[in-house]
Protein backbone atom coordinates (compact mmCIF):
# COMPACT_ATOMS: atom_id res chain seq x y z
CA UNK A 1 188.74 -68.88 62.76
CA UNK A 2 187.68 -72.54 62.66
CA UNK A 3 183.96 -73.24 61.93
CA UNK A 4 183.46 -74.93 65.30
CA UNK A 5 184.83 -71.87 67.12
CA UNK A 6 182.69 -69.54 65.04
CA UNK A 7 179.54 -71.52 65.85
CA UNK A 8 180.41 -71.48 69.55
CA UNK A 9 180.83 -67.71 69.52
CA UNK A 10 177.54 -67.26 67.67
CA UNK A 11 175.77 -69.43 70.24
CA UNK A 12 177.40 -67.53 73.09
CA UNK A 13 176.19 -64.25 71.65
CA UNK A 14 172.54 -65.25 71.95
CA UNK A 15 172.84 -66.66 75.46
CA UNK A 16 172.14 -63.30 77.17
CA UNK A 17 169.00 -62.86 75.08
CA UNK A 18 167.84 -66.40 75.89
CA UNK A 19 168.52 -65.79 79.56
CA UNK A 20 166.52 -62.58 79.39
CA UNK A 21 163.60 -64.35 77.76
CA UNK A 22 163.69 -67.10 80.39
CA UNK A 23 163.74 -64.49 83.13
CA UNK A 24 160.84 -62.70 81.46
CA UNK A 25 158.79 -65.87 81.68
CA UNK A 26 159.55 -66.11 85.37
CA UNK A 27 158.67 -62.44 85.93
CA UNK A 28 155.57 -62.43 83.70
CA UNK A 29 153.33 -59.53 84.69
CA UNK A 30 149.78 -59.63 83.30
CA UNK A 31 147.52 -56.62 82.90
CA UNK A 32 145.36 -55.69 85.86
CA UNK A 33 141.57 -56.00 85.45
CA UNK A 34 139.97 -52.71 84.40
CA UNK A 35 137.30 -53.01 87.11
CA UNK A 36 139.95 -53.21 89.84
CA UNK A 37 141.71 -50.11 88.51
CA UNK A 38 138.42 -48.22 88.24
CA UNK A 39 137.79 -48.93 91.92
CA UNK A 40 141.14 -47.41 92.82
CA UNK A 41 141.48 -44.52 90.36
CA UNK A 42 138.10 -43.57 88.85
CA UNK A 43 136.44 -40.88 90.96
CA UNK A 44 133.05 -41.11 89.24
CA UNK A 45 131.62 -42.86 86.15
CA UNK A 46 130.92 -39.44 84.63
CA UNK A 47 134.69 -38.86 84.46
CA UNK A 48 134.77 -41.20 81.46
CA UNK A 49 133.85 -39.14 78.39
CA UNK A 50 133.43 -40.31 74.82
CA UNK A 51 135.74 -38.00 72.89
CA UNK A 52 136.49 -38.46 69.20
CA UNK A 53 135.81 -42.19 69.34
CA UNK A 54 137.64 -43.08 72.55
CA UNK A 55 136.71 -43.19 76.22
CA UNK A 56 138.77 -40.45 77.82
CA UNK A 57 139.35 -40.36 81.57
CA UNK A 58 138.84 -36.68 82.47
CA UNK A 59 138.82 -34.84 85.79
CA UNK A 60 137.16 -31.41 85.82
CA UNK A 61 137.35 -29.39 89.06
CA UNK A 62 137.07 -25.78 90.19
CA UNK A 63 134.53 -23.09 89.29
CA UNK A 64 133.01 -23.68 85.86
CA UNK A 65 133.04 -19.95 85.08
CA UNK A 66 136.71 -19.50 86.06
CA UNK A 67 139.59 -19.30 83.57
CA UNK A 68 140.36 -22.78 82.25
CA UNK A 69 143.66 -24.58 82.75
CA UNK A 70 144.23 -27.87 80.92
CA UNK A 71 147.00 -30.07 82.35
CA UNK A 72 148.72 -32.61 80.08
CA UNK A 73 150.90 -35.31 81.66
CA UNK A 74 154.06 -36.94 80.34
CA UNK A 75 154.94 -40.36 78.95
CA UNK A 76 153.93 -43.23 81.24
CA UNK A 77 152.07 -40.97 83.66
CA UNK A 78 148.40 -40.21 84.31
CA UNK A 79 146.19 -37.34 85.42
CA UNK A 80 147.00 -38.13 89.08
CA UNK A 81 150.51 -36.77 88.55
CA UNK A 82 148.90 -33.31 88.87
CA UNK A 83 147.06 -33.99 92.15
CA UNK A 84 149.08 -31.57 94.28
CA UNK A 85 148.95 -28.71 91.78
CA UNK A 86 145.28 -29.25 91.00
CA UNK A 87 144.38 -29.06 94.67
CA UNK A 88 146.03 -25.63 94.87
CA UNK A 89 144.77 -24.28 91.53
CA UNK A 90 141.12 -25.27 91.62
CA UNK A 91 140.15 -22.56 94.11
CA UNK A 92 140.58 -19.92 91.40
CA UNK A 93 140.70 -21.82 88.11
CA UNK A 94 138.74 -24.44 86.28
CA UNK A 95 141.27 -27.29 86.22
CA UNK A 96 140.90 -29.98 83.56
CA UNK A 97 143.25 -32.93 83.31
CA UNK A 98 142.95 -36.24 81.55
CA UNK A 99 144.77 -39.48 80.80
CA UNK A 100 146.24 -39.07 77.34
CA UNK A 101 145.31 -41.76 74.77
CA UNK A 102 147.33 -44.89 75.50
CA UNK A 103 147.75 -44.16 79.21
CA UNK A 104 145.93 -44.64 82.49
CA UNK A 105 142.22 -45.37 82.53
CA UNK A 106 141.81 -43.93 79.04
CA UNK A 107 143.73 -46.93 77.78
CA UNK A 108 144.18 -47.84 74.16
CA UNK A 109 143.04 -45.67 71.28
CA UNK A 110 140.80 -47.67 68.90
CA UNK A 111 142.43 -45.87 65.97
CA UNK A 112 145.88 -47.16 66.94
CA UNK A 113 147.16 -43.64 66.25
CA UNK A 114 149.42 -42.24 68.97
CA UNK A 115 151.01 -39.40 67.03
CA UNK A 116 151.15 -35.81 68.24
CA UNK A 117 148.59 -34.89 65.58
CA UNK A 118 146.13 -37.35 67.13
CA UNK A 119 146.84 -35.85 70.56
CA UNK A 120 146.01 -32.39 69.21
CA UNK A 121 142.74 -33.61 67.65
CA UNK A 122 141.65 -35.25 70.91
CA UNK A 123 142.39 -32.09 72.89
CA UNK A 124 140.43 -29.97 70.41
CA UNK A 125 137.46 -32.37 70.53
CA UNK A 126 137.55 -32.30 74.35
CA UNK A 127 137.54 -28.49 74.45
CA UNK A 128 134.68 -28.39 71.96
CA UNK A 129 132.61 -30.89 73.92
CA UNK A 130 133.24 -29.03 77.18
CA UNK A 131 132.52 -25.70 75.45
CA UNK A 132 135.87 -24.21 76.38
CA UNK A 133 136.71 -21.49 73.90
CA UNK A 134 140.19 -20.71 75.21
CA UNK A 135 142.45 -22.19 77.86
CA UNK A 136 145.94 -22.04 79.27
CA UNK A 137 147.74 -25.29 78.51
CA UNK A 138 150.15 -26.73 81.08
CA UNK A 139 152.13 -29.67 79.75
CA UNK A 140 154.97 -31.83 81.00
CA UNK A 141 157.35 -33.69 78.67
CA UNK A 142 155.14 -35.43 76.08
CA UNK A 143 152.24 -33.31 77.31
CA UNK A 144 154.33 -30.19 76.73
CA UNK A 145 154.96 -31.23 73.14
CA UNK A 146 151.24 -31.78 72.56
CA UNK A 147 150.55 -28.39 74.16
CA UNK A 148 152.88 -26.45 71.87
CA UNK A 149 151.68 -28.36 68.82
CA UNK A 150 148.13 -27.43 69.76
CA UNK A 151 149.13 -23.78 70.13
CA UNK A 152 150.71 -23.96 66.69
CA UNK A 153 147.59 -25.42 65.03
CA UNK A 154 144.94 -23.55 67.06
CA UNK A 155 146.40 -20.26 68.31
CA UNK A 156 142.93 -18.79 68.80
CA UNK A 157 142.16 -21.44 71.47
CA UNK A 158 145.24 -20.83 73.65
CA UNK A 159 145.76 -18.06 76.19
CA UNK A 160 149.12 -19.06 77.60
CA UNK A 161 151.51 -22.00 77.69
CA UNK A 162 153.35 -23.49 80.64
CA UNK A 163 155.84 -26.04 79.34
CA UNK A 164 157.57 -28.18 81.97
CA UNK A 165 160.63 -29.93 80.52
CA UNK A 166 158.80 -30.23 77.19
CA UNK A 167 159.73 -32.84 74.61
CA UNK A 168 160.57 -31.85 71.04
CA UNK A 169 164.27 -31.25 70.53
CA UNK A 170 166.79 -34.01 70.00
CA UNK A 171 168.69 -35.26 73.01
CA UNK A 172 170.92 -38.27 73.68
CA UNK A 173 169.17 -41.34 72.27
CA UNK A 174 166.67 -39.35 70.21
CA UNK A 175 167.72 -38.19 66.76
CA UNK A 176 165.92 -36.18 64.10
CA UNK A 177 164.44 -38.12 61.21
CA UNK A 178 164.90 -41.49 62.87
CA UNK A 179 162.39 -43.69 64.64
CA UNK A 180 163.27 -45.05 68.05
CA UNK A 181 164.97 -48.41 68.09
CA UNK A 182 163.34 -50.61 70.71
CA UNK A 183 165.67 -52.79 72.71
CA UNK A 184 164.77 -56.35 73.63
CA UNK A 185 164.05 -55.18 77.16
CA UNK A 186 161.55 -52.61 75.85
CA UNK A 187 159.92 -55.20 73.60
CA UNK A 188 159.36 -57.35 76.69
CA UNK A 189 157.49 -54.48 78.40
CA UNK A 190 154.00 -55.88 77.61
CA UNK A 191 154.93 -59.07 79.44
CA UNK A 192 157.28 -58.03 82.23
CA UNK A 193 157.19 -55.17 84.72
CA UNK A 194 158.91 -55.92 88.01
CA UNK A 195 158.42 -53.18 90.56
CA UNK A 196 162.19 -52.82 90.96
CA UNK A 197 162.70 -52.29 87.22
CA UNK A 198 160.03 -49.58 87.10
CA UNK A 199 161.58 -47.84 90.10
CA UNK A 200 164.95 -47.71 88.35
CA UNK A 201 163.37 -46.25 85.21
CA UNK A 202 161.55 -43.55 87.21
CA UNK A 203 164.41 -42.45 89.46
CA UNK A 204 166.05 -40.19 86.81
CA UNK A 205 162.85 -38.12 86.81
CA UNK A 206 163.57 -36.95 90.36
CA UNK A 207 166.27 -34.54 91.40
CA UNK A 208 166.16 -36.20 94.82
CA UNK A 209 165.42 -39.92 94.30
CA UNK A 210 164.13 -40.25 97.86
CA UNK A 211 161.08 -38.24 96.80
CA UNK A 212 159.84 -41.17 94.71
CA UNK A 213 157.51 -42.65 97.32
CA UNK A 214 156.17 -46.19 97.42
CA UNK A 215 152.65 -44.83 96.90
CA UNK A 216 153.70 -42.94 93.78
CA UNK A 217 155.52 -45.98 92.41
CA UNK A 218 152.45 -48.13 93.03
CA UNK A 219 150.24 -45.67 91.16
CA UNK A 220 152.55 -45.52 88.14
CA UNK A 221 152.79 -49.31 88.02
CA UNK A 222 149.06 -49.91 88.47
CA UNK A 223 148.12 -47.59 85.63
CA UNK A 224 150.82 -48.92 83.31
CA UNK A 225 149.26 -52.33 83.91
CA UNK A 226 145.86 -51.12 82.69
CA UNK A 227 144.65 -53.32 79.81
CA UNK A 228 146.66 -52.66 76.66
CA UNK A 229 148.56 -49.66 77.99
CA UNK A 230 152.04 -51.18 77.74
CA UNK A 231 151.46 -52.14 74.11
CA UNK A 232 150.15 -48.65 73.43
CA UNK A 233 153.31 -47.18 74.95
CA UNK A 234 155.44 -49.21 72.55
CA UNK A 235 153.20 -48.23 69.62
CA UNK A 236 153.62 -44.55 70.51
CA UNK A 237 157.40 -44.91 70.65
CA UNK A 238 157.45 -46.60 67.25
CA UNK A 239 155.29 -43.86 65.69
CA UNK A 240 157.44 -40.96 66.85
CA UNK A 241 159.92 -39.40 64.45
CA UNK A 242 161.50 -36.18 65.65
CA UNK A 243 161.93 -33.25 63.29
CA UNK A 244 163.71 -30.03 64.20
CA UNK A 245 160.91 -28.04 65.89
CA UNK A 246 162.62 -24.64 65.81
CA UNK A 247 160.85 -23.35 62.66
CA UNK A 248 157.49 -24.39 64.12
CA UNK A 249 158.10 -22.96 67.57
CA UNK A 250 159.04 -19.61 66.04
CA UNK A 251 155.43 -19.28 64.85
CA UNK A 252 153.97 -19.57 68.37
CA UNK A 253 153.23 -16.22 69.99
CA UNK A 254 151.30 -17.28 73.08
CA UNK A 255 153.08 -16.04 76.21
CA UNK A 256 155.09 -19.06 77.38
CA UNK A 257 156.67 -20.08 80.66
CA UNK A 258 159.38 -22.73 80.46
CA UNK A 259 159.84 -24.54 83.76
CA UNK A 260 162.85 -26.85 84.10
CA UNK A 261 164.47 -28.72 86.96
CA UNK A 262 168.24 -28.41 86.76
CA UNK A 263 168.58 -32.09 87.75
CA UNK A 264 166.26 -33.39 85.07
CA UNK A 265 167.57 -36.82 84.09
CA UNK A 266 164.96 -37.38 81.38
CA UNK A 267 165.16 -34.29 79.15
CA UNK A 268 168.31 -32.25 79.81
CA UNK A 269 168.00 -28.63 80.85
CA UNK A 270 170.33 -27.81 77.95
CA UNK A 271 167.24 -28.15 75.74
CA UNK A 272 165.81 -25.07 77.43
CA UNK A 273 168.25 -22.94 75.47
CA UNK A 274 166.88 -24.39 72.23
CA UNK A 275 163.36 -23.37 73.22
CA UNK A 276 164.43 -19.86 74.23
CA UNK A 277 166.19 -19.35 70.89
CA UNK A 278 163.15 -20.55 68.97
CA UNK A 279 160.24 -19.01 70.89
CA UNK A 280 159.97 -15.23 70.81
CA UNK A 281 157.64 -14.99 73.80
CA UNK A 282 159.15 -17.55 76.18
CA UNK A 283 160.62 -17.05 79.65
CA UNK A 284 162.64 -19.69 81.50
CA UNK A 285 162.47 -20.42 85.21
CA UNK A 286 165.02 -22.96 86.44
CA UNK A 287 164.21 -25.03 89.51
CA UNK A 288 167.42 -25.86 91.43
CA UNK A 289 167.64 -29.39 92.77
CA UNK A 290 164.49 -30.63 91.04
CA UNK A 291 164.01 -33.07 88.19
CA UNK A 292 161.56 -33.91 85.43
CA UNK A 293 158.38 -33.88 87.53
CA UNK A 294 158.75 -30.86 89.88
CA UNK A 295 154.99 -30.78 90.51
CA UNK A 296 155.41 -34.16 92.25
CA UNK A 297 158.75 -33.45 93.93
CA UNK A 298 158.11 -29.98 95.33
CA UNK A 299 154.55 -28.85 94.51
CA UNK A 300 154.55 -25.52 96.35
CA UNK A 301 157.99 -24.39 95.18
CA UNK A 302 157.40 -25.38 91.55
CA UNK A 303 153.90 -23.88 91.41
CA UNK A 304 154.97 -20.46 92.68
CA UNK A 305 156.41 -19.24 89.34
CA UNK A 306 153.35 -20.58 87.53
CA UNK A 307 150.99 -18.57 89.73
CA UNK A 308 153.12 -15.48 89.18
CA UNK A 309 153.08 -16.09 85.42
CA UNK A 310 149.29 -16.42 85.38
CA UNK A 311 148.56 -13.56 87.78
CA UNK A 312 148.85 -10.55 85.41
CA UNK A 313 146.42 -12.17 82.98
CA UNK A 314 144.71 -15.16 84.66
CA UNK A 315 143.13 -16.54 81.51
């Protein structure tokens, strides 16, 4: 190949990246002011709690003397993802949910640590501050992984586990012993977030894409645009390194309900078999036609097996 041809091909190879960068400048999306987001999403100033060095956005509803349920959301979400379930549960349970470090109104963690171990420490500090000795943990995706890690480290503080499409096992694009490789598009996340792009990234979470409403999309986008959140999301991705969780899960003996939509486009239902093989006290309920966030898609239908699971031993 002649040098001139080689140089032309090298230049051509970078043109898509340059075009993407130029487009990013045109679509630049700044963070939203914290005060504006507080007006929309903070119920009361007392919902911001200082927990282990960070200001945690916490919502605590239901009878204070009732059995405690702690709800942990997934990657990119916020405590509002549980609104429908919380409204149904809080008549009989104390329902606690919060924006995980790096998400929502909690925002960035001053430590810069977004590992699962940090998530476990924050949850423990929250339970200690709220004087909750034991609780049932209900976690989705990333929140499910934090929940089972907490049960592993602090079995005396956990009554039961409800894991909804929990993260942990390898799946396409996520390998053991290897950190995530961030594409150029992902690296542009702190600067660019068109509404259409976010919609496309959220659609695989729904078994029926029409159930992703404009209001839900707006909420996700608003809270991802909270100051520093998009950079924190990238930091979390760069800090994750999957290891085979089977030996760890085998040590968890809390009664566990696995809840999985059979149209989950985020974490495949095939991973449910891995959990069942590893966890001696787990039961799987499959939700036909639903995806990664069944509590948003079909709150009543997806909550029914949870209520049945809790009923014999509410706490």
